[in-house]
Amino acid sequence: MHTPVIRQACRYPDETFYSLDPFRVPTRAAWRIGGRLADAMIGKYKDDQGTLPENIAFYWMASDIMSADGEMLAEMFALLGVEPVWLSNG
């Protein structure tokens, strides 16, 4: 029988299980990866087209946050030029 892995940080006192804590995404690791993804996307477009893109669109589903700790969210933040405020609790 398969036992699901539960992140302790996502377990609340009422024993209801959540797949993520929205106050902890993107993670710091996802933030680094998202920044690299954004840089790579802009770099490839500039190499291929010789200019910066006028528009960028994402097809974003919530499953990205659950499976990749918010890497795509971090990529979007990086492209917008904003960054998370890291608190001591994560």
C-alpha atoms as a PDB file:
ATOM      1  CA  MET A   1       0.000   0.000   0.000  1.00  0.00           C
ATOM      2  CA  HIS A   2       1.278   3.438  -0.952  1.00  0.00           C
ATOM      3  CA  THR A   3       1.738   5.836   1.966  1.00  0.00           C
ATOM      4  CA  PRO A   4       1.472   9.507   0.969  1.00  0.00           C
ATOM      5  CA  VAL A   5       4.283  11.830   1.952  1.00  0.00           C
ATOM      6  CA  ILE A   6       2.998  14.723   4.039  1.00  0.00           C
ATOM      7  CA  ARG A   7       5.151  17.773   4.538  1.00  0.00           C
ATOM      8  CA  GLN A   8       5.180  18.541   8.231  1.00  0.00           C
ATOM      9  CA  ALA A   9       5.036  22.284   7.477  1.00  0.00           C
ATOM     10  CA  CYS A  10       1.712  21.756   5.711  1.00  0.00           C
ATOM     11  CA  ARG A  11       0.060  19.893   8.544  1.00  0.00           C
ATOM     12  CA  TYR A  12      -2.217  22.014  10.696  1.00  0.00           C
ATOM     13  CA  PRO A  13      -3.427  21.302  14.235  1.00  0.00           C
ATOM     14  CA  ASP A  14      -6.923  20.317  13.124  1.00  0.00           C
ATOM     15  CA  GLU A  15      -5.338  17.365  11.252  1.00  0.00           C
ATOM     16  CA  THR A  16      -6.678  18.573   7.911  1.00  0.00           C
ATOM     17  CA  PHE A  17      -4.035  17.931   5.295  1.00  0.00           C
ATOM     18  CA  TYR A  18      -3.131  20.595   2.776  1.00  0.00           C
ATOM     19  CA  SER A  19      -0.928  20.024  -0.216  1.00  0.00           C
ATOM     20  CA  LEU A  20       0.857  23.330   0.293  1.00  0.00           C
ATOM     21  CA  ASP A  21       1.080  26.376   2.493  1.00  0.00           C
ATOM     22  CA  PRO A  22       0.440  29.418   0.248  1.00  0.00           C
ATOM     23  CA  PHE A  23       2.573  31.574   2.530  1.00  0.00           C
ATOM     24  CA  ARG A  24       5.661  29.451   1.801  1.00  0.00           C
ATOM     25  CA  VAL A  25       5.733  29.479  -2.003  1.00  0.00           C
ATOM     26  CA  PRO A  26       7.809  29.965  -3.926  1.00  0.00           C
ATOM     27  CA  THR A  27      10.464  28.259  -1.838  1.00  0.00           C
ATOM     28  CA  ARG A  28      13.963  29.718  -1.854  1.00  0.00           C
ATOM     29  CA  ALA A  29      15.142  26.904  -4.125  1.00  0.00           C
ATOM     30  CA  ALA A  30      12.208  27.476  -6.491  1.00  0.00           C
ATOM     31  CA  TRP A  31      13.045  31.190  -6.497  1.00  0.00           C
ATOM     32  CA  ARG A  32      16.593  30.480  -7.709  1.00  0.00           C
ATOM     33  CA  ILE A  33      15.334  28.088 -10.398  1.00  0.00           C
ATOM     34  CA  GLY A  34      12.573  30.488 -11.489  1.00  0.00           C
ATOM     35  CA  GLY A  35      15.117  33.274 -11.932  1.00  0.00           C
ATOM     36  CA  ARG A  36      17.308  31.048 -14.087  1.00  0.00           C
ATOM     37  CA  LEU A  37      14.276  29.982 -16.148  1.00  0.00           C
ATOM     38  CA  ALA A  38      13.324  33.621 -16.747  1.00  0.00           C
ATOM     39  CA  ASP A  39      16.878  34.539 -17.764  1.00  0.00           C
ATOM     40  CA  ALA A  40      17.069  31.535 -20.094  1.00  0.00           C
ATOM     41  CA  MET A  41      13.729  32.350 -21.742  1.00  0.00           C
ATOM     42  CA  ILE A  42      14.673  35.971 -22.385  1.00  0.00           C
ATOM     43  CA  GLY A  43      18.147  34.956 -23.571  1.00  0.00           C
ATOM     44  CA  LYS A  44      16.834  32.364 -26.028  1.00  0.00           C
ATOM     45  CA  TYR A  45      14.245  34.765 -27.445  1.00  0.00           C
ATOM     46  CA  LYS A  46      16.862  37.493 -27.827  1.00  0.00           C
ATOM     47  CA  ASP A  47      19.282  35.069 -29.547  1.00  0.00           C
ATOM     48  CA  ASP A  48      16.557  33.812 -31.914  1.00  0.00           C
ATOM     49  CA  GLN A  49      14.803  37.100 -32.671  1.00  0.00           C
ATOM     50  CA  GLY A  50      17.482  39.722 -31.991  1.00  0.00           C
ATOM     51  CA  THR A  51      15.204  41.705 -29.682  1.00  0.00           C
ATOM     52  CA  LEU A  52      13.360  41.421 -26.402  1.00  0.00           C
ATOM     53  CA  PRO A  53       9.827  40.001 -26.434  1.00  0.00           C
ATOM     54  CA  GLU A  54       6.930  42.454 -26.366  1.00  0.00           C
ATOM     55  CA  ASN A  55       4.657  40.018 -24.524  1.00  0.00           C
ATOM     56  CA  ILE A  56       5.058  36.858 -22.518  1.00  0.00           C
ATOM     57  CA  ALA A  57       2.172  34.543 -21.648  1.00  0.00           C
ATOM     58  CA  PHE A  58       2.004  31.606 -19.277  1.00  0.00           C
ATOM     59  CA  TYR A  59      -0.474  28.771 -19.004  1.00  0.00           C
ATOM     60  CA  TRP A  60      -0.342  28.246 -15.289  1.00  0.00           C
ATOM     61  CA  MET A  61      -2.073  25.581 -13.267  1.00  0.00           C
ATOM     62  CA  ALA A  62      -2.065  25.138  -9.506  1.00  0.00           C
ATOM     63  CA  SER A  63      -0.414  21.748  -9.894  1.00  0.00           C
ATOM     64  CA  ASP A  64       2.883  23.558 -10.603  1.00  0.00           C
ATOM     65  CA  ILE A  65       2.948  24.894  -7.069  1.00  0.00           C
ATOM     66  CA  MET A  66       2.233  21.466  -5.624  1.00  0.00           C
ATOM     67  CA  SER A  67       4.777  19.591  -7.741  1.00  0.00           C
ATOM     68  CA  ALA A  68       7.572  22.159  -8.116  1.00  0.00           C
ATOM     69  CA  ASP A  69       7.218  24.407  -5.047  1.00  0.00           C
ATOM     70  CA  GLY A  70       6.311  27.379  -7.225  1.00  0.00           C
ATOM     71  CA  GLU A  71       9.087  27.462  -9.811  1.00  0.00           C
ATOM     72  CA  MET A  72       6.790  28.874 -12.493  1.00  0.00           C
ATOM     73  CA  LEU A  73       5.400  31.432 -10.038  1.00  0.00           C
ATOM     74  CA  ALA A  74       8.986  32.424  -9.276  1.00  0.00           C
ATOM     75  CA  GLU A  75       9.700  32.716 -13.002  1.00  0.00           C
ATOM     76  CA  MET A  76       6.718  35.039 -13.424  1.00  0.00           C
ATOM     77  CA  PHE A  77       7.834  37.109 -10.425  1.00  0.00           C
ATOM     78  CA  ALA A  78      11.347  37.383 -11.872  1.00  0.00           C
ATOM     79  CA  LEU A  79      10.003  38.540 -15.235  1.00  0.00           C
ATOM     80  CA  LEU A  80       7.858  41.138 -13.462  1.00  0.00           C
ATOM     81  CA  GLY A  81      10.911  42.325 -11.521  1.00  0.00           C
ATOM     82  CA  VAL A  82       9.499  41.537  -8.087  1.00  0.00           C
ATOM     83  CA  GLU A  83      10.819  39.208  -5.435  1.00  0.00           C
ATOM     84  CA  PRO A  84       9.378  37.583  -2.341  1.00  0.00           C
ATOM     85  CA  VAL A  85       9.893  38.940   1.138  1.00  0.00           C
ATOM     86  CA  TRP A  86      11.432  36.089   3.107  1.00  0.00           C
ATOM     87  CA  LEU A  87      10.235  35.751   6.672  1.00  0.00           C
ATOM     88  CA  SER A  88      11.994  33.854   9.433  1.00  0.00           C
ATOM     89  CA  ASN A  89       9.389  31.054   9.347  1.00  0.00           C
ATOM     90  CA  GLY A  90      10.014  30.204   5.707  1.00  0.00           C
END
